Amino acid sequence: MQRRQFLTAAGLGLTALSLAPHHAVAARRLLEPADTAARRRLADTALQAAREAGASYCDVRIGRYLNQALMTREDKVQDIVHGESAGIGIRVIVGGAWGFAATDDQRSEAVVATVRQAAAIARANARLRQQPVILAPTPSLGEVHWATPLQRNAMAVPLEEKLALLMDINADALKAGASFVSSQLFVINEQKYFASSDGSYIDQDIHRIWLPFTVTAVDKASGKFRSRAGLSAPMGKGWEYLEGRAADKTVLPGGVIAYGASYDPREDAIAAARQAREKLSAPSVKPGKYDLVIDPSNLFLTIHENVGHPLELDRVLGYEANYAGTSFATLDKREQGFQWGSDIVNFFADRTTAGSLGAVGYDDEGVQTKRWDLVRDGKLVNYMATRDEVHLLGEDASHGCSYADSWKSVQFQRMANVSLAAGKTELTPDQLISNVENGLYFHGRGSYSIDQQRYNAQFGAQLVYQIKNGEVTGLVEDAAYQIRTPEFWNACSAICDARDFRLGGSFFDGKGQPSQVSAVSHGSATARFDGMAVINTARNLG
């Protein structure tokens, strides 16, 4: 089935939209259950055809990918899209080489033809290979099922209810002082069936949700403007994430509200409008060395770019050099016990944390997901690898981090959730800040820049507060911290405890050629970094 756009509406009000003739059909289509028995029969057809084609291994991914996107600005609905894509991707090993082919025609004869095409591609590749594919063993799982734990399926929430929430967010922000506001809602459902010649038949139902917004305040007298984006994290949850339960909120030093297991977008929009107004009169930061206190809503991106990406084994090996760069974290550094950070710095990878973007039961190679260490007590100890890579690390089991963003995309190594472990000593953000004499407190994802080896970088923020003598004193503007990855993490002198541990994440993380996107979370507690360089991004050196 080709991708189909069931409904696109631009500039329509809620009343007109509710009368759109194709909406009811689109809503029902998005909620139709998959026929697991039919998928099993189709998978068996493909596996048998692969054996007949001489394949030593075959995996089959039958996928139905659903997405919904709503875009609004002020009192207008700008766009609504319901998307569906369904088909089958088949990967084989013939002659020690990979071959892949895909089709949206799910008739048996089309599937057999696709298997033969994949086998022909593998035979062609085999003539050029230097080494045969080495697959780490994985157990035969039989028939298993995994689903994202949901209280309320966001796909089943009426379109009118979703739009009403976005319109309320916009109205609240405007009333609180915003000059402009835009809000969006993204809902994803991946219905994936995996089968392999190893004897596994895995049915998974995966859900993700994200509600970002941006408010802008304008000083009409000067023409100056400032913006503040929402502080929400995209999550692997249902509609219940947007309920904003009081128990999931924490007021941080300086008054910023932190959100954990649920999110209140209307409350955050009101705060964003007021803070955007405050930013209009905030002083520009004085560049220099500061002790940084970094909230998880900002630190997640530093983890993503300068820990997660450089520890992807395919990037370390140079496979991504043409598109997304390489990595300074070469294999010899693991053997040398490279000092990645201070001894309180511990990074772990996992695809099991409930509610995280990367949480699944099994990856796209049929490997059960798990948690493992990347940096332990400050020292580099491991990477992220798939079945055909992990032998290069001297290991005999895949890490379970293979992913494809579509049935028609070949699966390859993608980042797992990578997180900074919380501190082991009881410590709250208030207590951490109380010992900072001259510092800056960073919140929210801002602009950033990274080099091709993930060694040098700089990161801005949505909100930056000055800290003087243990007190948060007020907003400053135009601040960004510059880092060299190992120097930054070795400057980490304190990490708050698990009570402050929160997830951030990337909903659209790009990699590969042709490019694919994945979603991944990164957790941390508030952390302190001593003596870091801060630049003023508004300075003109010319």
Protein backbone atom coordinates (compact mmCIF):
# COMPACT_ATOMS: atom_id res chain seq x y z
CA MET A 1 0.00 0.00 0.00
CA GLN A 2 1.44 3.37 -0.96
CA ARG A 3 1.40 6.21 1.55
CA ARG A 4 -2.01 7.79 1.46
CA GLN A 5 -2.97 11.19 2.70
CA PHE A 6 -6.53 10.77 3.93
CA LEU A 7 -7.16 14.35 4.90
CA THR A 8 -5.36 17.63 4.50
CA ALA A 9 -6.97 20.83 5.68
CA ALA A 10 -5.33 24.23 5.71
CA GLY A 11 -6.64 27.33 7.39
CA LEU A 12 -9.91 25.71 8.44
CA GLY A 13 -11.76 26.49 11.65
CA LEU A 14 -12.81 23.72 14.01
CA THR A 15 -16.45 23.78 12.90
CA ALA A 16 -15.62 23.42 9.22
CA LEU A 17 -13.06 20.74 9.95
CA SER A 18 -15.53 18.61 11.90
CA LEU A 19 -17.69 18.48 8.80
CA ALA A 20 -14.93 17.35 6.47
CA PRO A 21 -16.35 14.36 4.55
CA HIS A 22 -13.21 12.17 4.66
CA HIS A 23 -12.48 12.51 8.39
CA ALA A 24 -14.67 9.63 9.61
CA VAL A 25 -13.16 7.28 7.04
CA ALA A 26 -9.64 8.33 8.01
CA ALA A 27 -10.30 7.88 11.73
CA ARG A 28 -11.72 4.39 11.30
CA ARG A 29 -8.87 3.38 9.02
CA LEU A 30 -6.25 4.43 11.56
CA LEU A 31 -7.85 2.21 14.19
CA GLU A 32 -8.36 -0.97 12.15
CA PRO A 33 -6.50 -3.87 13.80
CA ALA A 34 -3.90 -5.90 11.93
CA ASP A 35 -4.63 -9.51 10.95
CA THR A 36 -1.85 -11.40 12.74
CA ALA A 37 -2.80 -14.79 11.30
CA ALA A 38 -2.61 -13.44 7.74
CA ARG A 39 0.78 -11.93 8.52
CA ARG A 40 2.05 -15.29 9.79
CA ARG A 41 0.96 -17.01 6.57
CA LEU A 42 2.62 -14.32 4.46
CA ALA A 43 5.83 -14.55 6.49
CA ASP A 44 5.96 -18.33 6.11
CA THR A 45 5.53 -17.93 2.36
CA ALA A 46 8.51 -15.58 2.27
CA LEU A 47 10.69 -17.79 4.48
CA GLN A 48 10.00 -20.85 2.32
CA ALA A 49 10.80 -18.89 -0.84
CA ALA A 50 14.07 -17.75 0.72
CA ARG A 51 15.09 -21.33 1.50
CA GLU A 52 14.32 -22.30 -2.10
CA ALA A 53 16.40 -19.34 -3.33
CA GLY A 54 19.44 -20.62 -1.43
CA ALA A 55 19.39 -18.15 1.46
CA SER A 56 21.25 -19.15 4.62
CA TYR A 57 19.22 -16.57 6.55
CA CYS A 58 16.06 -14.56 5.98
CA ASP A 59 14.04 -12.05 7.96
CA VAL A 60 10.67 -10.63 7.03
CA ARG A 61 9.18 -7.38 8.31
CA ILE A 62 5.50 -6.78 7.60
CA GLY A 63 4.69 -3.27 8.68
CA ARG A 64 1.82 -0.81 8.90
CA TYR A 65 2.98 2.68 9.82
CA LEU A 66 0.41 5.26 10.87
CA ASN A 67 1.01 8.91 11.61
CA GLN A 68 -1.12 11.91 12.41
CA ALA A 69 0.10 15.51 12.40
CA LEU A 70 -1.88 18.61 13.39
CA MET A 71 -0.49 22.12 12.86
CA THR A 72 -2.01 25.32 14.27
CA ARG A 73 -1.13 28.99 14.65
CA GLU A 74 -3.03 31.43 16.87
CA ASP A 75 -6.73 30.77 16.06
CA LYS A 76 -6.13 28.93 12.78
CA VAL A 77 -5.70 25.28 11.86
CA GLN A 78 -2.90 25.24 9.31
CA ASP A 79 -2.69 21.58 8.36
CA ILE A 80 -3.93 18.14 9.31
CA VAL A 81 -2.45 14.95 7.90
CA HIS A 82 -3.37 11.32 8.46
CA GLY A 83 -0.80 9.03 6.86
CA GLU A 84 -0.66 5.28 6.34
CA SER A 85 2.04 3.16 4.76
CA ALA A 86 2.00 -0.65 4.63
CA GLY A 87 4.09 -3.32 2.97
CA ILE A 88 6.73 -5.99 3.44
CA GLY A 89 10.54 -5.79 3.56
CA ILE A 90 12.64 -8.93 3.06
CA ARG A 91 16.33 -9.32 3.89
CA VAL A 92 18.39 -12.42 3.03
CA ILE A 93 21.93 -13.68 3.18
CA VAL A 94 23.09 -15.55 0.07
CA GLY A 95 26.74 -16.35 -0.51
CA GLY A 96 27.68 -14.55 2.69
CA ALA A 97 26.25 -11.20 1.56
CA TRP A 98 23.12 -9.20 2.30
CA GLY A 99 20.30 -8.58 -0.13
CA PHE A 100 17.15 -6.56 0.52
CA ALA A 101 13.94 -5.88 -1.40
CA ALA A 102 10.49 -4.61 -0.48
CA THR A 103 6.98 -4.43 -1.91
CA ASP A 104 3.63 -2.92 -1.06
CA ASP A 105 1.86 -5.82 -2.83
CA GLN A 106 1.03 -8.37 -0.14
CA ARG A 107 -0.24 -11.14 -2.42
CA SER A 108 1.72 -14.38 -2.09
CA GLU A 109 3.07 -14.31 -5.63
CA ALA A 110 4.36 -10.75 -5.17
CA VAL A 111 6.08 -11.70 -1.93
CA VAL A 112 7.80 -14.68 -3.59
CA ALA A 113 9.01 -12.42 -6.40
CA THR A 114 10.37 -9.95 -3.85
CA VAL A 115 12.28 -12.70 -2.06
CA ARG A 116 13.85 -13.72 -5.36
CA GLN A 117 14.81 -10.12 -6.03
CA ALA A 118 16.47 -9.84 -2.60
CA ALA A 119 18.36 -13.10 -3.26
CA ALA A 120 19.54 -11.84 -6.65
CA ILE A 121 20.83 -8.66 -5.04
CA ALA A 122 22.65 -10.72 -2.39
CA ARG A 123 24.31 -12.88 -5.05
CA ALA A 124 25.48 -9.74 -6.85
CA ASN A 125 26.83 -8.32 -3.60
CA ALA A 126 28.58 -11.61 -2.81
CA ARG A 127 30.83 -11.18 -5.85
CA LEU A 128 32.19 -7.97 -4.31
CA ARG A 129 32.39 -8.80 -0.62
CA GLN A 130 35.69 -9.23 1.20
CA GLN A 131 34.32 -10.97 4.30
CA PRO A 132 31.09 -12.93 4.79
CA VAL A 133 28.36 -11.56 7.02
CA ILE A 134 28.80 -12.87 10.56
CA LEU A 135 25.54 -12.89 12.52
CA ALA A 136 25.54 -13.14 16.28
CA PRO A 137 23.21 -15.95 17.37
CA THR A 138 19.80 -15.12 18.76
CA PRO A 139 17.34 -17.61 20.26
CA SER A 140 14.23 -18.85 18.51
CA LEU A 141 11.39 -17.06 20.27
CA GLY A 142 8.37 -18.66 18.68
CA GLU A 143 5.29 -16.44 18.68
CA VAL A 144 5.59 -13.40 21.00
CA HIS A 145 3.81 -10.06 21.35
CA TRP A 146 4.80 -6.70 22.79
CA ALA A 147 2.88 -3.41 22.96
CA THR A 148 3.54 0.07 24.32
CA PRO A 149 1.71 0.33 27.66
CA LEU A 150 -1.18 2.75 27.06
CA GLN A 151 -3.99 4.13 29.15
CA ARG A 152 -5.59 5.89 26.18
CA ASN A 153 -4.62 5.32 22.56
CA ALA A 154 -3.93 8.78 21.10
CA MET A 155 -5.00 7.57 17.65
CA ALA A 156 -8.47 6.92 19.10
CA VAL A 157 -8.86 10.41 20.56
CA PRO A 158 -11.33 12.39 18.40
CA LEU A 159 -9.79 14.94 16.10
CA GLU A 160 -11.99 17.65 17.62
CA GLU A 161 -10.57 16.97 21.08
CA LYS A 162 -7.01 17.19 19.81
CA LEU A 163 -7.65 20.45 17.98
CA ALA A 164 -9.48 21.88 20.96
CA LEU A 165 -6.38 21.29 23.09
CA LEU A 166 -4.11 23.02 20.56
CA MET A 167 -6.53 25.94 20.26
CA ASP A 168 -6.64 26.25 24.06
CA ILE A 169 -2.84 26.26 24.22
CA ASN A 170 -2.68 29.05 21.67
CA ALA A 171 -5.42 31.09 23.37
CA ASP A 172 -3.80 30.73 26.79
CA ALA A 173 -0.44 31.87 25.44
CA LEU A 174 -1.94 34.91 23.72
CA LYS A 175 -3.79 35.92 26.88
CA ALA A 176 -0.55 35.60 28.86
CA GLY A 177 1.31 38.03 26.61
CA ALA A 178 2.44 36.15 23.51
CA SER A 179 2.34 38.05 20.22
CA PHE A 180 2.41 34.86 18.16
CA VAL A 181 2.06 31.16 18.95
CA SER A 182 2.18 27.96 16.96
CA SER A 183 1.47 24.47 18.26
CA GLN A 184 1.64 21.00 16.77
CA LEU A 185 0.71 17.46 17.67
CA PHE A 186 2.40 14.35 16.30
CA VAL A 187 1.02 10.86 16.93
CA ILE A 188 2.80 7.74 15.64
CA ASN A 189 1.74 4.09 15.62
CA GLU A 190 4.00 1.37 14.21
CA GLN A 191 2.32 -2.03 13.80
CA LYS A 192 5.20 -4.37 13.05
CA TYR A 193 5.36 -8.10 12.46
CA PHE A 194 8.80 -9.71 12.30
CA ALA A 195 9.61 -13.29 11.30
CA SER A 196 12.95 -14.94 10.68
CA SER A 197 14.51 -18.24 9.69
CA ASP A 198 15.74 -18.40 13.30
CA GLY A 199 12.18 -19.34 14.27
CA SER A 200 10.86 -16.09 15.72
CA TYR A 201 7.44 -14.55 15.01
CA ILE A 202 7.18 -11.19 16.75
CA ASP A 203 4.12 -8.95 16.74
CA GLN A 204 4.59 -5.42 18.13
CA ASP A 205 2.33 -2.38 18.52
CA ILE A 206 4.42 0.76 19.20
CA HIS A 207 3.11 4.24 20.02
CA ARG A 208 4.72 7.67 20.34
CA ILE A 209 3.39 11.18 20.97
CA TRP A 210 4.78 14.73 20.94
CA LEU A 211 3.19 18.14 21.44
CA PRO A 212 5.67 20.95 20.70
CA PHE A 213 4.83 24.66 20.58
CA THR A 214 6.63 27.98 20.24
CA VAL A 215 5.49 31.35 21.57
CA THR A 216 6.95 34.69 20.49
CA ALA A 217 6.75 38.03 22.26
CA VAL A 218 7.38 41.26 20.33
CA ASP A 219 8.31 44.68 21.65
CA LYS A 220 6.41 46.86 19.19
CA ALA A 221 8.38 49.97 20.07
CA SER A 222 11.77 48.49 19.20
CA GLY A 223 10.79 45.60 16.96
CA LYS A 224 12.77 43.25 19.21
CA PHE A 225 11.34 39.76 19.65
CA ARG A 226 12.06 36.72 21.77
CA SER A 227 10.68 33.18 21.67
CA ARG A 228 10.33 30.28 24.05
CA ALA A 229 9.53 26.74 22.94
CA GLY A 230 7.67 24.21 25.04
CA LEU A 231 9.59 22.19 27.62
CA SER A 232 7.80 18.93 26.92
CA ALA A 233 9.58 15.72 25.98
CA PRO A 234 8.29 13.45 23.22
CA MET A 235 7.34 10.12 24.77
CA GLY A 236 6.43 6.53 24.04
CA LYS A 237 3.02 6.92 25.64
CA GLY A 238 -0.63 7.55 24.83
CA TRP A 239 -2.93 10.53 25.31
CA GLU A 240 -2.63 10.19 29.09
CA TYR A 241 0.79 11.89 28.83
CA LEU A 242 -0.97 15.21 28.16
CA GLU A 243 -3.11 15.09 31.33
CA GLY A 244 -0.58 17.09 33.36
CA ARG A 245 -1.02 15.43 36.72
CA ALA A 246 0.06 17.53 39.71
CA ALA A 247 2.17 14.68 41.10
CA ASP A 248 4.33 14.75 37.95
CA LYS A 249 5.33 18.43 38.29
CA THR A 250 8.23 20.00 40.15
CA VAL A 251 8.90 23.71 40.63
CA LEU A 252 12.62 24.22 40.12
CA PRO A 253 14.84 26.99 41.50
CA GLY A 254 13.93 30.17 39.62
CA GLY A 255 10.34 29.07 39.12
CA VAL A 256 10.59 26.88 36.00
CA ILE A 257 8.18 23.93 36.12
CA ALA A 258 9.70 20.54 35.33
CA TYR A 259 7.46 17.78 33.95
CA GLY A 260 7.99 14.08 34.45
CA ALA A 261 5.57 11.25 33.69
CA SER A 262 2.93 13.63 32.32
CA TYR A 263 2.84 17.11 30.81
CA ASP A 264 0.52 20.11 31.10
CA PRO A 265 0.91 21.99 27.80
CA ARG A 266 -1.55 24.77 28.67
CA GLU A 267 0.30 25.58 31.88
CA ASP A 268 3.61 25.50 30.04
CA ALA A 269 2.26 27.78 27.28
CA ILE A 270 1.23 30.40 29.84
CA ALA A 271 4.67 30.24 31.46
CA ALA A 272 6.33 30.40 28.03
CA ALA A 273 4.48 33.59 27.10
CA ARG A 274 5.48 35.30 30.34
CA GLN A 275 9.07 34.15 30.06
CA ALA A 276 9.31 35.27 26.42
CA ARG A 277 8.24 38.73 27.65
CA GLU A 278 10.87 38.62 30.39
CA LYS A 279 13.52 37.72 27.83
CA LEU A 280 12.84 40.98 25.98
CA SER A 281 14.37 42.94 28.86
CA ALA A 282 16.90 40.36 30.09
CA PRO A 283 20.56 41.46 29.93
CA SER A 284 22.88 39.83 27.42
CA VAL A 285 25.27 37.36 29.02
CA LYS A 286 28.86 38.35 29.72
CA PRO A 287 31.07 35.74 28.04
CA GLY A 288 33.56 33.87 30.19
CA LYS A 289 34.00 30.84 32.42
CA TYR A 290 31.06 29.74 34.54
CA ASP A 291 29.98 26.77 36.60
CA LEU A 292 27.02 25.38 34.66
CA VAL A 293 23.91 23.81 36.15
CA ILE A 294 22.14 22.00 33.31
CA ASP A 295 18.56 20.79 33.54
CA PRO A 296 17.63 17.47 31.87
CA SER A 297 15.48 19.42 29.37
CA ASN A 298 18.74 20.81 27.97
CA LEU A 299 21.29 18.13 28.84
CA PHE A 300 19.45 15.44 26.86
CA LEU A 301 20.58 17.03 23.58
CA THR A 302 24.23 17.15 24.67
CA ILE A 303 23.96 13.47 25.58
CA HIS A 304 22.33 12.71 22.23
CA GLU A 305 24.90 14.49 20.10
CA ASN A 306 28.12 13.99 22.06
CA VAL A 307 27.59 10.62 23.74
CA GLY A 308 24.92 8.71 21.82
CA HIS A 309 26.07 9.39 18.27
CA PRO A 310 29.83 8.92 18.79
CA LEU A 311 29.17 5.53 20.43
CA GLU A 312 27.24 4.09 17.47
CA LEU A 313 29.60 1.39 16.21
CA ASP A 314 28.82 1.91 12.52
CA ARG A 315 29.81 5.58 12.90
CA VAL A 316 33.00 4.56 14.75
CA LEU A 317 33.85 2.24 11.85
CA GLY A 318 33.35 5.00 9.28
CA TYR A 319 30.15 3.71 7.68
CA GLU A 320 28.42 7.07 8.21
CA ALA A 321 31.35 9.26 7.16
CA ASN A 322 29.78 10.47 3.92
CA TYR A 323 26.61 11.73 5.56
CA ALA A 324 26.65 12.21 9.31
CA GLY A 325 30.33 12.03 10.13
CA THR A 326 32.55 9.69 12.09
CA SER A 327 33.50 9.49 15.77
CA PHE A 328 36.44 10.50 17.92
CA ALA A 329 35.63 7.46 20.13
CA THR A 330 37.65 4.94 18.13
CA LEU A 331 37.92 1.30 19.19
CA ASP A 332 41.41 1.71 20.62
CA LYS A 333 40.00 4.11 23.23
CA ARG A 334 37.90 1.34 24.75
CA GLU A 335 40.95 -0.87 25.01
CA GLN A 336 42.86 1.95 26.70
CA GLY A 337 40.09 2.65 29.23
CA PHE A 338 39.57 6.15 27.84
CA GLN A 339 38.54 8.65 30.53
CA TRP A 340 35.26 9.89 29.07
CA GLY A 341 34.18 11.74 32.21
CA SER A 342 34.69 12.15 35.93
CA ASP A 343 34.25 9.10 38.13
CA ILE A 344 30.60 10.01 38.88
CA VAL A 345 29.72 9.87 35.16
CA ASN A 346 27.94 6.68 34.10
CA PHE A 347 26.15 6.32 30.77
CA PHE A 348 23.92 3.41 29.92
CA ALA A 349 22.05 2.39 26.78
CA ASP A 350 18.65 0.73 26.90
CA ARG A 351 15.49 0.10 24.92
CA THR A 352 13.42 -1.08 27.85
CA THR A 353 12.48 2.00 29.91
CA ALA A 354 8.69 2.31 29.96
CA GLY A 355 7.47 5.52 28.36
CA SER A 356 10.70 6.20 26.51
CA LEU A 357 10.79 6.73 22.75
CA GLY A 358 13.14 3.82 22.16
CA ALA A 359 11.24 1.29 24.25
CA VAL A 360 10.31 -1.87 22.34
CA GLY A 361 10.28 -5.52 23.23
CA TYR A 362 12.40 -6.61 20.27
CA ASP A 363 14.47 -4.77 17.69
CA ASP A 364 14.08 -5.06 13.92
CA GLU A 365 16.37 -8.10 13.85
CA GLY A 366 14.24 -10.00 16.34
CA VAL A 367 16.62 -9.45 19.26
CA GLN A 368 15.09 -8.95 22.70
CA THR A 369 16.00 -5.52 24.00
CA LYS A 370 18.08 -4.88 27.12
CA ARG A 371 20.19 -2.37 29.07
CA TRP A 372 24.00 -2.19 29.00
CA ASP A 373 26.75 0.18 30.11
CA LEU A 374 28.60 2.52 27.74
CA VAL A 375 30.65 4.53 30.23
CA ARG A 376 31.24 3.18 33.74
CA ASP A 377 32.84 5.27 36.50
CA GLY A 378 33.93 7.73 33.82
CA LYS A 379 35.66 5.16 31.58
CA LEU A 380 34.53 4.08 28.10
CA VAL A 381 33.49 0.41 28.20
CA ASN A 382 31.22 -0.27 25.20
CA TYR A 383 29.33 0.86 22.11
CA MET A 384 26.00 0.14 20.41
CA ALA A 385 26.01 -2.66 17.82
CA THR A 386 23.76 -4.97 15.80
CA ARG A 387 23.91 -8.70 15.01
CA ASP A 388 26.37 -8.34 12.14
CA GLU A 389 28.64 -5.86 13.98
CA VAL A 390 28.93 -7.09 17.55
CA HIS A 391 31.60 -9.71 16.79
CA LEU A 392 33.93 -6.79 16.11
CA LEU A 393 33.66 -5.97 19.81
CA GLY A 394 34.47 -9.55 20.81
CA GLU A 395 30.87 -10.14 21.92
CA ASP A 396 28.51 -12.91 20.92
CA ALA A 397 25.10 -11.25 21.41
CA SER A 398 23.58 -8.26 19.64
CA HIS A 399 22.73 -5.19 21.70
CA GLY A 400 19.26 -5.09 20.14
CA CYS A 401 19.48 -1.67 18.48
CA SER A 402 18.55 -2.38 14.87
CA TYR A 403 15.73 -0.26 13.42
CA ALA A 404 14.10 0.66 10.12
CA ASP A 405 11.68 3.57 9.84
CA SER A 406 9.54 1.79 7.23
CA TRP A 407 8.83 -1.61 5.76
CA LYS A 408 10.60 -0.39 2.60
CA SER A 409 13.75 0.73 4.45
CA VAL A 410 16.50 -1.72 5.31
CA GLN A 411 17.12 -2.02 9.05
CA PHE A 412 20.47 -0.87 10.38
CA GLN A 413 22.17 0.25 13.59
CA ARG A 414 20.37 3.08 15.38
CA MET A 415 20.96 4.73 18.70
CA ALA A 416 19.29 3.19 21.74
CA ASN A 417 18.07 5.39 24.57
CA VAL A 418 21.32 6.72 26.06
CA SER A 419 21.12 8.22 29.55
CA LEU A 420 23.32 9.68 32.26
CA ALA A 421 22.74 7.71 35.43
CA ALA A 422 21.44 9.71 38.40
CA GLY A 423 23.78 10.50 41.26
CA LYS A 424 24.12 7.98 44.07
CA THR A 425 24.14 10.59 46.85
CA GLU A 426 20.93 12.39 47.83
CA LEU A 427 20.97 15.76 46.11
CA THR A 428 18.20 18.06 44.86
CA PRO A 429 18.53 20.90 42.33
CA ASP A 430 18.11 23.42 45.17
CA GLN A 431 20.96 21.83 47.11
CA LEU A 432 23.17 21.63 44.03
CA ILE A 433 22.63 25.31 43.20
CA SER A 434 23.22 26.43 46.78
CA ASN A 435 26.95 25.73 46.37
CA VAL A 436 27.39 27.59 43.05
CA GLU A 437 28.97 31.03 43.42
CA ASN A 438 29.02 32.20 39.79
CA GLY A 439 27.04 30.08 37.40
CA LEU A 440 24.39 29.75 34.73
CA TYR A 441 21.32 27.49 34.79
CA PHE A 442 20.29 26.09 31.38
CA HIS A 443 16.76 24.88 30.50
CA GLY A 444 15.27 23.60 27.26
CA ARG A 445 16.62 22.73 23.84
CA GLY A 446 18.16 25.65 21.97
CA SER A 447 20.31 26.12 18.88
CA TYR A 448 23.44 23.99 18.67
CA SER A 449 26.44 23.15 16.51
CA ILE A 450 28.58 20.01 16.41
CA ASP A 451 31.62 18.89 14.44
CA GLN A 452 31.83 15.78 12.27
CA GLN A 453 33.51 13.66 14.96
CA ARG A 454 31.25 14.76 17.86
CA TYR A 455 34.26 16.15 19.71
CA ASN A 456 33.58 19.91 19.63
CA ALA A 457 30.15 21.45 20.11
CA GLN A 458 28.16 24.35 21.48
CA PHE A 459 24.64 24.39 22.90
CA GLY A 460 22.16 27.16 23.59
CA ALA A 461 18.92 26.96 25.55
CA GLN A 462 15.36 28.23 25.82
CA LEU A 463 15.97 29.78 29.23
CA VAL A 464 19.25 30.66 30.96
CA TYR A 465 19.28 31.99 34.53
CA GLN A 466 22.21 33.55 36.34
CA ILE A 467 23.31 32.04 39.64
CA LYS A 468 25.04 34.25 42.20
CA ASN A 469 26.19 32.99 45.60
CA GLY A 470 23.85 30.02 45.55
CA GLU A 471 20.76 31.94 44.37
CA VAL A 472 19.01 32.06 41.00
CA THR A 473 18.92 35.79 40.27
CA GLY A 474 17.26 36.27 36.86
CA LEU A 475 17.28 35.57 33.14
CA VAL A 476 20.15 36.34 30.81
CA GLU A 477 20.08 36.16 27.03
CA ASP A 478 22.39 35.02 24.20
CA ALA A 479 24.24 32.35 26.20
CA ALA A 480 25.68 29.14 24.78
CA TYR A 481 28.22 26.78 26.31
CA GLN A 482 31.13 25.47 24.26
CA ILE A 483 32.53 22.02 24.88
CA ARG A 484 35.08 19.44 23.94
CA THR A 485 33.33 16.20 24.77
CA PRO A 486 35.81 14.57 27.22
CA GLU A 487 36.68 17.88 28.89
CA PHE A 488 32.99 18.64 29.43
CA TRP A 489 32.11 15.31 31.04
CA ASN A 490 35.30 15.32 33.12
CA ALA A 491 34.15 18.69 34.49
CA CYS A 492 30.98 17.08 35.86
CA SER A 493 31.24 17.53 39.64
CA ALA A 494 27.70 16.74 40.83
CA ILE A 495 24.58 14.95 39.62
CA CYS A 496 21.23 15.10 41.40
CA ASP A 497 19.67 11.88 42.61
CA ALA A 498 17.03 9.69 40.98
CA ARG A 499 14.13 11.81 42.24
CA ASP A 500 15.14 14.41 39.63
CA PHE A 501 15.74 11.94 36.78
CA ARG A 502 13.72 12.99 33.70
CA LEU A 503 13.61 12.07 30.01
CA GLY A 504 14.14 14.32 27.02
CA GLY A 505 14.27 13.10 23.48
CA SER A 506 14.54 13.46 19.73
CA PHE A 507 11.38 12.60 17.78
CA PHE A 508 13.00 12.87 14.33
CA ASP A 509 16.63 11.75 14.51
CA GLY A 510 18.13 11.44 11.03
CA LYS A 511 20.75 8.98 9.84
CA GLY A 512 21.69 6.87 6.84
CA GLN A 513 21.53 7.14 3.07
CA PRO A 514 18.75 7.13 1.97
CA SER A 515 17.96 9.02 5.15
CA GLN A 516 15.83 7.40 7.84
CA VAL A 517 14.41 8.88 11.04
CA SER A 518 14.10 7.29 14.46
CA ALA A 519 12.92 8.44 17.89
CA VAL A 520 15.09 8.13 20.97
CA SER A 521 15.00 9.32 24.58
CA HIS A 522 17.80 10.49 26.85
CA GLY A 523 17.47 10.71 30.60
CA SER A 524 19.42 12.51 33.28
CA ALA A 525 19.09 14.40 36.51
CA THR A 526 20.27 17.99 36.88
CA ALA A 527 24.07 18.11 36.70
CA ARG A 528 26.87 20.58 37.44
CA PHE A 529 29.87 21.26 35.22
CA ASP A 530 32.70 23.43 36.57
CA GLY A 531 34.62 26.15 34.73
CA MET A 532 32.98 25.87 31.31
CA ALA A 533 33.33 28.42 28.51
CA VAL A 534 30.20 30.42 27.73
CA ILE A 535 29.96 32.61 24.63
CA ASN A 536 27.64 35.49 23.77
CA THR A 537 25.85 34.46 20.58
CA ALA A 538 24.74 38.03 19.84
CA ARG A 539 28.25 39.46 19.62
CA ASN A 540 29.40 40.71 16.25
CA LEU A 541 33.14 40.26 15.86
CA GLY A 542 33.20 42.23 12.60
